[in-house]
Amino acid sequence: MIKRRTIAHDAAETGRVTLNGKLAKPASEVRVGDELVVDIGGRQTALRVLLVPERPLPRGSDELYEVLWVRQKGPGATE
């Protein structure tokens, strides 16, 4: 979902990521079945974790999570 670790770290540190309904910290452990809400780039995206690999996978590894919903924020946004 977030392509760079530094951006993911900053998002968690500034309160833009929740893990199972609670604010996530950069070092929060993520498990299969966990639900994340990421508030970045003018939208909120809810995800469910499907797989936590032991090693980093190549880009485009969409099988790691499923998107539950996406909400646009700002002028003209609809929910």
PDB file of N, CA and C in Angstrom:
ATOM      1  N   MET A   1       0.827  -1.187   0.000  1.00  0.00           N
ATOM      2  CA  MET A   1       0.000   0.000   0.000  1.00  0.00           C
ATOM      3  C   MET A   1       0.870   1.249   0.000  1.00  0.00           C
ATOM      4  N   ILE A   2       1.741   1.395   0.999  1.00  0.00           N
ATOM      5  CA  ILE A   2       2.679   2.515   1.024  1.00  0.00           C
ATOM      6  C   ILE A   2       4.016   1.964   0.541  1.00  0.00           C
ATOM      7  N   LYS A   3       4.533   2.541  -0.515  1.00  0.00           N
ATOM      8  CA  LYS A   3       5.684   1.963  -1.204  1.00  0.00           C
ATOM      9  C   LYS A   3       7.014   2.153  -0.481  1.00  0.00           C
ATOM     10  N   ARG A   4       7.139   3.185   0.336  1.00  0.00           N
ATOM     11  CA  ARG A   4       8.424   3.445   0.988  1.00  0.00           C
ATOM     12  C   ARG A   4       8.282   3.386   2.502  1.00  0.00           C
ATOM     13  N   ARG A   5       9.265   2.780   3.138  1.00  0.00           N
ATOM     14  CA  ARG A   5       9.246   2.638   4.597  1.00  0.00           C
ATOM     15  C   ARG A   5       9.226   3.977   5.312  1.00  0.00           C
ATOM     16  N   THR A   6       9.966   4.949   4.792  1.00  0.00           N
ATOM     17  CA  THR A   6      10.019   6.255   5.466  1.00  0.00           C
ATOM     18  C   THR A   6       8.660   6.933   5.453  1.00  0.00           C
ATOM     19  N   ILE A   7       7.920   6.801   4.362  1.00  0.00           N
ATOM     20  CA  ILE A   7       6.584   7.396   4.292  1.00  0.00           C
ATOM     21  C   ILE A   7       5.633   6.653   5.221  1.00  0.00           C
ATOM     22  N   ALA A   8       5.721   5.335   5.258  1.00  0.00           N
ATOM     23  CA  ALA A   8       4.882   4.537   6.158  1.00  0.00           C
ATOM     24  C   ALA A   8       5.190   4.883   7.616  1.00  0.00           C
ATOM     25  N   HIS A   9       6.464   5.022   7.935  1.00  0.00           N
ATOM     26  CA  HIS A   9       6.888   5.381   9.294  1.00  0.00           C
ATOM     27  C   HIS A   9       6.314   6.741   9.680  1.00  0.00           C
ATOM     28  N   ASP A  10       6.446   7.730   8.804  1.00  0.00           N
ATOM     29  CA  ASP A  10       5.920   9.065   9.072  1.00  0.00           C
ATOM     30  C   ASP A  10       4.408   9.059   9.228  1.00  0.00           C
ATOM     31  N   ALA A  11       3.713   8.294   8.394  1.00  0.00           N
ATOM     32  CA  ALA A  11       2.250   8.220   8.478  1.00  0.00           C
ATOM     33  C   ALA A  11       1.817   7.651   9.826  1.00  0.00           C
ATOM     34  N   ALA A  12       2.469   6.588  10.275  1.00  0.00           N
ATOM     35  CA  ALA A  12       2.131   5.999  11.573  1.00  0.00           C
ATOM     36  C   ALA A  12       2.486   6.938  12.708  1.00  0.00           C
ATOM     37  N   GLU A  13       3.624   7.574  12.608  1.00  0.00           N
ATOM     38  CA  GLU A  13       4.086   8.467  13.672  1.00  0.00           C
ATOM     39  C   GLU A  13       3.201   9.702  13.826  1.00  0.00           C
ATOM     40  N   THR A  14       2.562  10.131  12.745  1.00  0.00           N
ATOM     41  CA  THR A  14       1.711  11.324  12.789  1.00  0.00           C
ATOM     42  C   THR A  14       0.229  10.984  12.933  1.00  0.00           C
ATOM     43  N   GLY A  15      -0.086   9.735  13.270  1.00  0.00           N
ATOM     44  CA  GLY A  15      -1.466   9.361  13.573  1.00  0.00           C
ATOM     45  C   GLY A  15      -2.361   9.153  12.373  1.00  0.00           C
ATOM     46  N   ARG A  16      -1.794   8.851  11.221  1.00  0.00           N
ATOM     47  CA  ARG A  16      -2.597   8.645  10.011  1.00  0.00           C
ATOM     48  C   ARG A  16      -2.823   7.173   9.689  1.00  0.00           C
ATOM     49  N   VAL A  17      -2.448   6.283  10.627  1.00  0.00           N
ATOM     50  CA  VAL A  17      -2.658   4.841  10.431  1.00  0.00           C
ATOM     51  C   VAL A  17      -3.285   4.267  11.697  1.00  0.00           C
ATOM     52  N   THR A  18      -4.375   3.521  11.521  1.00  0.00           N
ATOM     53  CA  THR A  18      -4.941   2.786  12.653  1.00  0.00           C
ATOM     54  C   THR A  18      -4.815   1.296  12.361  1.00  0.00           C
ATOM     55  N   LEU A  19      -4.653   0.535  13.421  1.00  0.00           N
ATOM     56  CA  LEU A  19      -4.526  -0.919  13.355  1.00  0.00           C
ATOM     57  C   LEU A  19      -5.591  -1.493  14.268  1.00  0.00           C
ATOM     58  N   ASN A  20      -6.569  -2.155  13.685  1.00  0.00           N
ATOM     59  CA  ASN A  20      -7.692  -2.723  14.444  1.00  0.00           C
ATOM     60  C   ASN A  20      -8.364  -1.670  15.327  1.00  0.00           C
ATOM     61  N   GLY A  21      -8.539  -0.464  14.769  1.00  0.00           N
ATOM     62  CA  GLY A  21      -9.258   0.599  15.461  1.00  0.00           C
ATOM     63  C   GLY A  21      -8.446   1.428  16.427  1.00  0.00           C
ATOM     64  N   LYS A  22      -7.162   1.132  16.584  1.00  0.00           N
ATOM     65  CA  LYS A  22      -6.296   1.892  17.498  1.00  0.00           C
ATOM     66  C   LYS A  22      -5.165   2.519  16.699  1.00  0.00           C
ATOM     67  N   LEU A  23      -4.680   3.670  17.168  1.00  0.00           N
ATOM     68  CA  LEU A  23      -3.562   4.305  16.478  1.00  0.00           C
ATOM     69  C   LEU A  23      -2.378   3.355  16.413  1.00  0.00           C
ATOM     70  N   ALA A  24      -1.801   3.241  15.229  1.00  0.00           N
ATOM     71  CA  ALA A  24      -0.642   2.362  15.033  1.00  0.00           C
ATOM     72  C   ALA A  24       0.634   3.145  15.276  1.00  0.00           C
ATOM     73  N   LYS A  25       1.621   2.466  15.802  1.00  0.00           N
ATOM     74  CA  LYS A  25       2.953   3.036  15.964  1.00  0.00           C
ATOM     75  C   LYS A  25       3.828   2.466  14.844  1.00  0.00           C
ATOM     76  N   PRO A  26       4.926   3.144  14.507  1.00  0.00           N
ATOM     77  CA  PRO A  26       5.779   2.629  13.433  1.00  0.00           C
ATOM     78  C   PRO A  26       6.238   1.180  13.636  1.00  0.00           C
ATOM     79  N   ALA A  27       6.400   0.744  14.867  1.00  0.00           N
ATOM     80  CA  ALA A  27       6.886  -0.615  15.136  1.00  0.00           C
ATOM     81  C   ALA A  27       5.754  -1.596  15.458  1.00  0.00           C
ATOM     82  N   SER A  28       4.504  -1.216  15.207  1.00  0.00           N
ATOM     83  CA  SER A  28       3.385  -2.114  15.505  1.00  0.00           C
ATOM     84  C   SER A  28       3.511  -3.402  14.700  1.00  0.00           C
ATOM     85  N   GLU A  29       3.269  -4.523  15.363  1.00  0.00           N
ATOM     86  CA  GLU A  29       3.306  -5.819  14.683  1.00  0.00           C
ATOM     87  C   GLU A  29       1.974  -6.039  13.978  1.00  0.00           C
ATOM     88  N   VAL A  30       2.046  -6.448  12.730  1.00  0.00           N
ATOM     89  CA  VAL A  30       0.861  -6.692  11.917  1.00  0.00           C
ATOM     90  C   VAL A  30       0.732  -8.190  11.695  1.00  0.00           C
ATOM     91  N   ARG A  31      -0.498  -8.706  11.872  1.00  0.00           N
ATOM     92  CA  ARG A  31      -0.755 -10.141  11.715  1.00  0.00           C
ATOM     93  C   ARG A  31      -1.834 -10.364  10.655  1.00  0.00           C
ATOM     94  N   VAL A  32      -1.895 -11.567  10.143  1.00  0.00           N
ATOM     95  CA  VAL A  32      -2.943 -11.935   9.195  1.00  0.00           C
ATOM     96  C   VAL A  32      -4.301 -11.709   9.857  1.00  0.00           C
ATOM     97  N   GLY A  33      -5.209 -11.062   9.128  1.00  0.00           N
ATOM     98  CA  GLY A  33      -6.546 -10.771   9.636  1.00  0.00           C
ATOM     99  C   GLY A  33      -6.679  -9.376  10.227  1.00  0.00           C
ATOM    100  N   ASP A  34      -5.565  -8.707  10.512  1.00  0.00           N
ATOM    101  CA  ASP A  34      -5.615  -7.345  11.040  1.00  0.00           C
ATOM    102  C   ASP A  34      -6.221  -6.405  10.011  1.00  0.00           C
ATOM    103  N   GLU A  35      -6.877  -5.352  10.507  1.00  0.00           N
ATOM    104  CA  GLU A  35      -7.440  -4.334   9.630  1.00  0.00           C
ATOM    105  C   GLU A  35      -6.745  -3.011   9.880  1.00  0.00           C
ATOM    106  N   LEU A  36      -6.318  -2.389   8.795  1.00  0.00           N
ATOM    107  CA  LEU A  36      -5.628  -1.101   8.847  1.00  0.00           C
ATOM    108  C   LEU A  36      -6.464  -0.057   8.127  1.00  0.00           C
ATOM    109  N   VAL A  37      -6.443   1.168   8.629  1.00  0.00           N
ATOM    110  CA  VAL A  37      -6.996   2.306   7.907  1.00  0.00           C
ATOM    111  C   VAL A  37      -5.860   3.299   7.751  1.00  0.00           C
ATOM    112  N   VAL A  38      -5.581   3.650   6.496  1.00  0.00           N
ATOM    113  CA  VAL A  38      -4.476   4.541   6.169  1.00  0.00           C
ATOM    114  C   VAL A  38      -5.066   5.825   5.595  1.00  0.00           C
ATOM    115  N   ASP A  39      -4.711   6.961   6.197  1.00  0.00           N
ATOM    116  CA  ASP A  39      -5.204   8.272   5.783  1.00  0.00           C
ATOM    117  C   ASP A  39      -4.037   9.022   5.146  1.00  0.00           C
ATOM    118  N   ILE A  40      -3.960   8.965   3.824  1.00  0.00           N
ATOM    119  CA  ILE A  40      -2.812   9.552   3.128  1.00  0.00           C
ATOM    120  C   ILE A  40      -3.230   9.974   1.714  1.00  0.00           C
ATOM    121  N   GLY A  41      -2.662  11.039   1.242  1.00  0.00           N
ATOM    122  CA  GLY A  41      -2.923  11.476  -0.123  1.00  0.00           C
ATOM    123  C   GLY A  41      -4.348  11.900  -0.391  1.00  0.00           C
ATOM    124  N   GLY A  42      -5.031  12.471   0.601  1.00  0.00           N
ATOM    125  CA  GLY A  42      -6.392  12.944   0.392  1.00  0.00           C
ATOM    126  C   GLY A  42      -7.453  11.868   0.397  1.00  0.00           C
ATOM    127  N   ARG A  43      -7.099  10.686   0.859  1.00  0.00           N
ATOM    128  CA  ARG A  43      -8.113   9.628   0.965  1.00  0.00           C
ATOM    129  C   ARG A  43      -7.785   8.685   2.113  1.00  0.00           C
ATOM    130  N   GLN A  44      -8.825   8.003   2.566  1.00  0.00           N
ATOM    131  CA  GLN A  44      -8.675   6.961   3.579  1.00  0.00           C
ATOM    132  C   GLN A  44      -8.902   5.629   2.884  1.00  0.00           C
ATOM    133  N   THR A  45      -8.044   4.667   3.194  1.00  0.00           N
ATOM    134  CA  THR A  45      -8.168   3.326   2.623  1.00  0.00           C
ATOM    135  C   THR A  45      -8.137   2.314   3.754  1.00  0.00           C
ATOM    136  N   ALA A  46      -9.134   1.431   3.778  1.00  0.00           N
ATOM    137  CA  ALA A  46      -9.185   0.356   4.773  1.00  0.00           C
ATOM    138  C   ALA A  46      -8.727  -0.938   4.114  1.00  0.00           C
ATOM    139  N   LEU A  47      -7.855  -1.662   4.809  1.00  0.00           N
ATOM    140  CA  LEU A  47      -7.269  -2.898   4.288  1.00  0.00           C
ATOM    141  C   LEU A  47      -7.378  -4.017   5.294  1.00  0.00           C
ATOM    142  N   ARG A  48      -7.444  -5.249   4.801  1.00  0.00           N
ATOM    143  CA  ARG A  48      -7.330  -6.432   5.655  1.00  0.00           C
ATOM    144  C   ARG A  48      -6.074  -7.173   5.229  1.00  0.00           C
ATOM    145  N   VAL A  49      -5.236  -7.531   6.196  1.00  0.00           N
ATOM    146  CA  VAL A  49      -3.976  -8.217   5.924  1.00  0.00           C
ATOM    147  C   VAL A  49      -4.264  -9.686   5.614  1.00  0.00           C
ATOM    148  N   LEU A  50      -3.773 -10.150   4.464  1.00  0.00           N
ATOM    149  CA  LEU A  50      -3.974 -11.540   4.044  1.00  0.00           C
ATOM    150  C   LEU A  50      -2.728 -12.389   4.231  1.00  0.00           C
ATOM    151  N   LEU A  51      -1.561 -11.749   4.179  1.00  0.00           N
ATOM    152  CA  LEU A  51      -0.305 -12.484   4.247  1.00  0.00           C
ATOM    153  C   LEU A  51       0.773 -11.557   4.796  1.00  0.00           C
ATOM    154  N   VAL A  52       1.580 -12.062   5.709  1.00  0.00           N
ATOM    155  CA  VAL A  52       2.732 -11.317   6.232  1.00  0.00           C
ATOM    156  C   VAL A  52       3.966 -12.136   5.882  1.00  0.00           C
ATOM    157  N   PRO A  53       4.678 -11.720   4.823  1.00  0.00           N
ATOM    158  CA  PRO A  53       5.843 -12.496   4.391  1.00  0.00           C
ATOM    159  C   PRO A  53       7.010 -12.351   5.361  1.00  0.00           C
ATOM    160  N   GLU A  54       7.858 -13.356   5.383  1.00  0.00           N
ATOM    161  CA  GLU A  54       9.051 -13.298   6.233  1.00  0.00           C
ATOM    162  C   GLU A  54      10.108 -12.385   5.639  1.00  0.00           C
ATOM    163  N   ARG A  55      10.098 -12.256   4.323  1.00  0.00           N
ATOM    164  CA  ARG A  55      11.056 -11.381   3.621  1.00  0.00           C
ATOM    165  C   ARG A  55      10.285 -10.429   2.727  1.00  0.00           C
ATOM    166  N   PRO A  56      10.873  -9.284   2.409  1.00  0.00           N
ATOM    167  CA  PRO A  56      10.205  -8.357   1.477  1.00  0.00           C
ATOM    168  C   PRO A  56       9.937  -9.029   0.136  1.00  0.00           C
ATOM    169  N   LEU A  57       8.782  -8.737  -0.437  1.00  0.00           N
ATOM    170  CA  LEU A  57       8.419  -9.271  -1.744  1.00  0.00           C
ATOM    171  C   LEU A  57       8.616  -8.194  -2.807  1.00  0.00           C
ATOM    172  N   PRO A  58       8.699  -8.601  -4.076  1.00  0.00           N
ATOM    173  CA  PRO A  58       8.857  -7.610  -5.136  1.00  0.00           C
ATOM    174  C   PRO A  58       7.642  -6.684  -5.211  1.00  0.00           C
ATOM    175  N   ARG A  59       7.858  -5.528  -5.819  1.00  0.00           N
ATOM    176  CA  ARG A  59       6.742  -4.577  -6.005  1.00  0.00           C
ATOM    177  C   ARG A  59       5.581  -5.257  -6.710  1.00  0.00           C
ATOM    178  N   GLY A  60       4.378  -4.721  -6.458  1.00  0.00           N
ATOM    179  CA  GLY A  60       3.193  -5.265  -7.101  1.00  0.00           C
ATOM    180  C   GLY A  60       2.679  -6.518  -6.425  1.00  0.00           C
ATOM    181  N   SER A  61       3.008  -6.715  -5.174  1.00  0.00           N
ATOM    182  CA  SER A  61       2.564  -7.904  -4.435  1.00  0.00           C
ATOM    183  C   SER A  61       1.223  -7.619  -3.762  1.00  0.00           C
ATOM    184  N   ASP A  62       0.173  -7.520  -4.582  1.00  0.00           N
ATOM    185  CA  ASP A  62      -1.152  -7.170  -4.082  1.00  0.00           C
ATOM    186  C   ASP A  62      -1.810  -8.284  -3.274  1.00  0.00           C
ATOM    187  N   GLU A  63      -1.236  -9.479  -3.291  1.00  0.00           N
ATOM    188  CA  GLU A  63      -1.844 -10.589  -2.550  1.00  0.00           C
ATOM    189  C   GLU A  63      -1.627 -10.481  -1.037  1.00  0.00           C
ATOM    190  N   LEU A  64      -0.924  -9.447  -0.593  1.00  0.00           N
ATOM    191  CA  LEU A  64      -0.661  -9.268   0.834  1.00  0.00           C
ATOM    192  C   LEU A  64      -1.859  -8.710   1.587  1.00  0.00           C
ATOM    193  N   TYR A  65      -2.752  -8.025   0.881  1.00  0.00           N
ATOM    194  CA  TYR A  65      -3.892  -7.385   1.540  1.00  0.00           C
ATOM    195  C   TYR A  65      -5.065  -7.282   0.577  1.00  0.00           C
ATOM    196  N   GLU A  66      -6.254  -7.062   1.152  1.00  0.00           N
ATOM    197  CA  GLU A  66      -7.424  -6.762   0.336  1.00  0.00           C
ATOM    198  C   GLU A  66      -7.949  -5.397   0.759  1.00  0.00           C
ATOM    199  N   VAL A  67      -8.406  -4.630  -0.194  1.00  0.00           N
ATOM    200  CA  VAL A  67      -8.961  -3.309   0.082  1.00  0.00           C
ATOM    201  C   VAL A  67     -10.418  -3.500   0.481  1.00  0.00           C
ATOM    202  N   LEU A  68     -10.782  -2.971   1.649  1.00  0.00           N
ATOM    203  CA  LEU A  68     -12.158  -3.082   2.139  1.00  0.00           C
ATOM    204  C   LEU A  68     -13.009  -1.917   1.660  1.00  0.00           C
ATOM    205  N   TRP A  69     -12.454  -0.711   1.707  1.00  0.00           N
ATOM    206  CA  TRP A  69     -13.132   0.485   1.202  1.00  0.00           C
ATOM    207  C   TRP A  69     -12.128   1.626   1.033  1.00  0.00           C
ATOM    208  N   VAL A  70     -12.541   2.616   0.230  1.00  0.00           N
ATOM    209  CA  VAL A  70     -11.744   3.821  -0.005  1.00  0.00           C
ATOM    210  C   VAL A  70     -12.681   5.010   0.075  1.00  0.00           C
ATOM    211  N   ARG A  71     -12.268   6.043   0.812  1.00  0.00           N
ATOM    212  CA  ARG A  71     -13.055   7.284   0.922  1.00  0.00           C
ATOM    213  C   ARG A  71     -12.183   8.465   0.524  1.00  0.00           C
ATOM    214  N   GLN A  72     -12.662   9.231  -0.432  1.00  0.00           N
ATOM    215  CA  GLN A  72     -11.978  10.450  -0.829  1.00  0.00           C
ATOM    216  C   GLN A  72     -12.286  11.529   0.196  1.00  0.00           C
ATOM    217  N   LYS A  73     -11.318  12.404   0.437  1.00  0.00           N
ATOM    218  CA  LYS A  73     -11.507  13.498   1.383  1.00  0.00           C
ATOM    219  C   LYS A  73     -11.345  14.814   0.635  1.00  0.00           C
ATOM    220  N   GLY A  74     -11.912  15.853   1.207  1.00  0.00           N
ATOM    221  CA  GLY A  74     -11.735  17.175   0.625  1.00  0.00           C
ATOM    222  C   GLY A  74     -12.945  17.625  -0.168  1.00  0.00           C
ATOM    223  N   PRO A  75     -12.831  18.778  -0.862  1.00  0.00           N
ATOM    224  CA  PRO A  75     -13.958  19.340  -1.621  1.00  0.00           C
ATOM    225  C   PRO A  75     -14.466  18.377  -2.686  1.00  0.00           C
ATOM    226  N   GLY A  76     -15.762  18.233  -2.759  1.00  0.00           N
ATOM    227  CA  GLY A  76     -16.369  17.379  -3.774  1.00  0.00           C
ATOM    228  C   GLY A  76     -16.307  15.895  -3.469  1.00  0.00           C
ATOM    229  N   ALA A  77     -15.787  15.526  -2.321  1.00  0.00           N
ATOM    230  CA  ALA A  77     -15.682  14.102  -1.967  1.00  0.00           C
ATOM    231  C   ALA A  77     -17.039  13.555  -1.591  1.00  0.00           C
ATOM    232  N   THR A  78     -17.247  12.302  -1.921  1.00  0.00           N
ATOM    233  CA  THR A  78     -18.489  11.630  -1.544  1.00  0.00           C
ATOM    234  C   THR A  78     -18.152  10.421  -0.704  1.00  0.00           C
ATOM    235  N   GLU A  79     -19.031  10.087   0.207  1.00  0.00           N
ATOM    236  CA  GLU A  79     -18.821   8.892   1.047  1.00  0.00           C
ATOM    237  C   GLU A  79     -19.950   7.939   0.837  1.00  0.00           C
TER     238      GLU A  79
END
